Structure formats: structure tokens, C-alpha cells
């Protein structure tokens, strides 16, 4: 497939629906999974301390297991979950 097709809205809509359905299935099965995120498009609430934020690679793999999986929700186009960061296990909604 030509790379420019990846930028077309109909293709992106199909992929968004597919990803949402896949995540919904994993939730229904209570199945742990990982999600790779471009950190530039991720929000943290509360904000991560500077040293933790700077330690994250530009694309970070989050593993949704245990409490992170239990706290996870999918709302439209947004996946949210709670996670702990650093040696202090700093809690944040991702």
C-alpha cells in the first residue's frame, strides 16, 4: 500500500475502529496487553516530575497489567489508565 494512503481519513477511521474493537475485546477477556505511545501525544494527570518525563523514550511501551489494566477505560478515541513511574512509583493517569 502506498504510504500516502495511511494519511487518508477513511483508512484512519477504519484503523481507529479496529483498534477500539481490539482493546474492547482485550478488556472483555481481562487480558493484559501493551500499548506503544508517542509520548508527544500523551497526557499525564498529575504531570510527571521533570526527571521522570525526560527519562521516557519518545515512543514508550506501557504494559497494562494488574492495577493499570483494572483502571483502564476506553472513551471514544482515548485510552486512559493509571500507572506508577520511577522508584517512588509516582502515580499518574495516562
Protein backbone atom coordinates (compact mmCIF):
# COMPACT_ATOMS: atom_id res chain seq x y z
CA UNK A 1 0.00 0.00 0.00
CA UNK A 2 1.37 3.43 -0.84
CA UNK A 3 2.35 5.35 2.28
CA UNK A 4 0.11 8.30 1.36
CA UNK A 5 -2.92 6.03 1.84
CA UNK A 6 -2.03 5.81 5.53
CA UNK A 7 -2.73 9.54 5.79
CA UNK A 8 -6.21 9.32 4.27
CA UNK A 9 -9.11 9.84 6.67
CA UNK A 10 -11.12 6.75 5.56
CA UNK A 11 -8.15 4.49 6.32
CA UNK A 12 -7.53 6.19 9.66
CA UNK A 13 -11.21 5.76 10.58
CA UNK A 14 -11.04 2.04 9.77
CA UNK A 15 -7.90 1.62 11.87
CA UNK A 16 -9.38 3.61 14.78
CA UNK A 17 -12.43 1.35 14.83
CA UNK A 18 -10.26 -1.77 14.59
CA UNK A 19 -8.03 -0.65 17.47
CA UNK A 20 -11.03 0.28 19.63
CA UNK A 21 -12.65 -3.10 18.96
CA UNK A 22 -9.40 -4.92 19.73
CA UNK A 23 -8.90 -3.08 23.02
CA UNK A 24 -12.56 -3.70 23.93
CA UNK A 25 -12.06 -7.42 23.29
CA UNK A 26 -8.94 -7.47 25.49
CA UNK A 27 -10.87 -5.68 28.26
CA UNK A 28 -13.72 -8.22 27.99
CA UNK A 29 -11.21 -11.07 28.26
CA UNK A 30 -9.36 -9.36 31.13
CA UNK A 31 -6.23 -9.88 29.04
CA UNK A 32 -3.04 -8.00 29.82
CA UNK A 33 -1.57 -6.13 26.85
CA UNK A 34 0.91 -3.46 25.87
CA UNK A 35 0.38 -0.23 24.02
CA UNK A 36 3.15 1.78 22.35
CA UNK A 37 2.58 5.52 22.64
CA UNK A 38 4.17 8.55 21.06
CA UNK A 39 4.82 10.47 24.27
CA UNK A 40 4.29 13.78 22.46
CA UNK A 41 0.58 12.85 22.30
CA UNK A 42 0.21 11.53 25.87
CA UNK A 43 -1.16 13.50 28.80
CA UNK A 44 -0.30 12.72 32.42
CA UNK A 45 -2.53 13.81 35.31
CA UNK A 46 -0.92 14.84 37.52
CA UNK A 47 2.03 15.86 35.39
CA UNK A 48 5.11 13.71 35.78
CA UNK A 49 8.11 15.18 37.55
CA UNK A 50 10.64 16.56 35.05
CA UNK A 51 13.26 13.85 35.65
CA UNK A 52 10.73 11.06 35.05
CA UNK A 53 9.26 12.74 31.97
CA UNK A 54 12.72 13.21 30.46
CA UNK A 55 13.61 9.57 31.09
CA UNK A 56 10.75 8.29 28.88
CA UNK A 57 11.73 7.37 25.32
CA UNK A 58 9.85 9.20 22.51
CA UNK A 59 7.85 6.02 21.91
CA UNK A 60 7.11 4.30 25.21
CA UNK A 61 5.62 0.86 25.71
CA UNK A 62 3.08 0.76 28.53
CA UNK A 63 2.08 -2.66 29.80
CA UNK A 64 -1.49 -2.77 31.03
CA UNK A 65 -1.49 -5.38 33.77
CA UNK A 66 -2.75 -5.64 37.33
CA UNK A 67 -3.96 -2.23 38.56
CA UNK A 68 -3.17 -0.45 35.29
CA UNK A 69 -5.48 -2.87 33.47
CA UNK A 70 -8.15 -2.69 36.18
CA UNK A 71 -8.17 1.11 36.00
CA UNK A 72 -8.17 1.27 32.17
CA UNK A 73 -11.06 2.78 30.23
CA UNK A 74 -11.67 3.42 26.56
CA UNK A 75 -13.75 6.52 25.83
CA UNK A 76 -14.22 7.23 22.14
CA UNK A 77 -10.69 7.73 20.86
CA UNK A 78 -8.98 7.96 24.26
CA UNK A 79 -7.44 5.12 26.26
CA UNK A 80 -6.82 6.04 29.90
CA UNK A 81 -5.21 4.08 32.71
CA UNK A 82 -3.35 4.68 35.95
CA UNK A 83 0.33 3.88 36.17
CA UNK A 84 3.22 4.31 38.58
CA UNK A 85 6.54 5.84 37.47
CA UNK A 86 10.05 5.84 38.84
CA UNK A 87 11.46 4.37 42.03
CA UNK A 88 8.88 6.29 44.04
CA UNK A 89 6.05 4.74 41.98
CA UNK A 90 4.69 8.23 41.21
CA UNK A 91 1.04 7.72 40.28
CA UNK A 92 -0.49 9.39 37.24
CA UNK A 93 -3.47 8.96 34.94
CA UNK A 94 -2.07 8.33 31.46
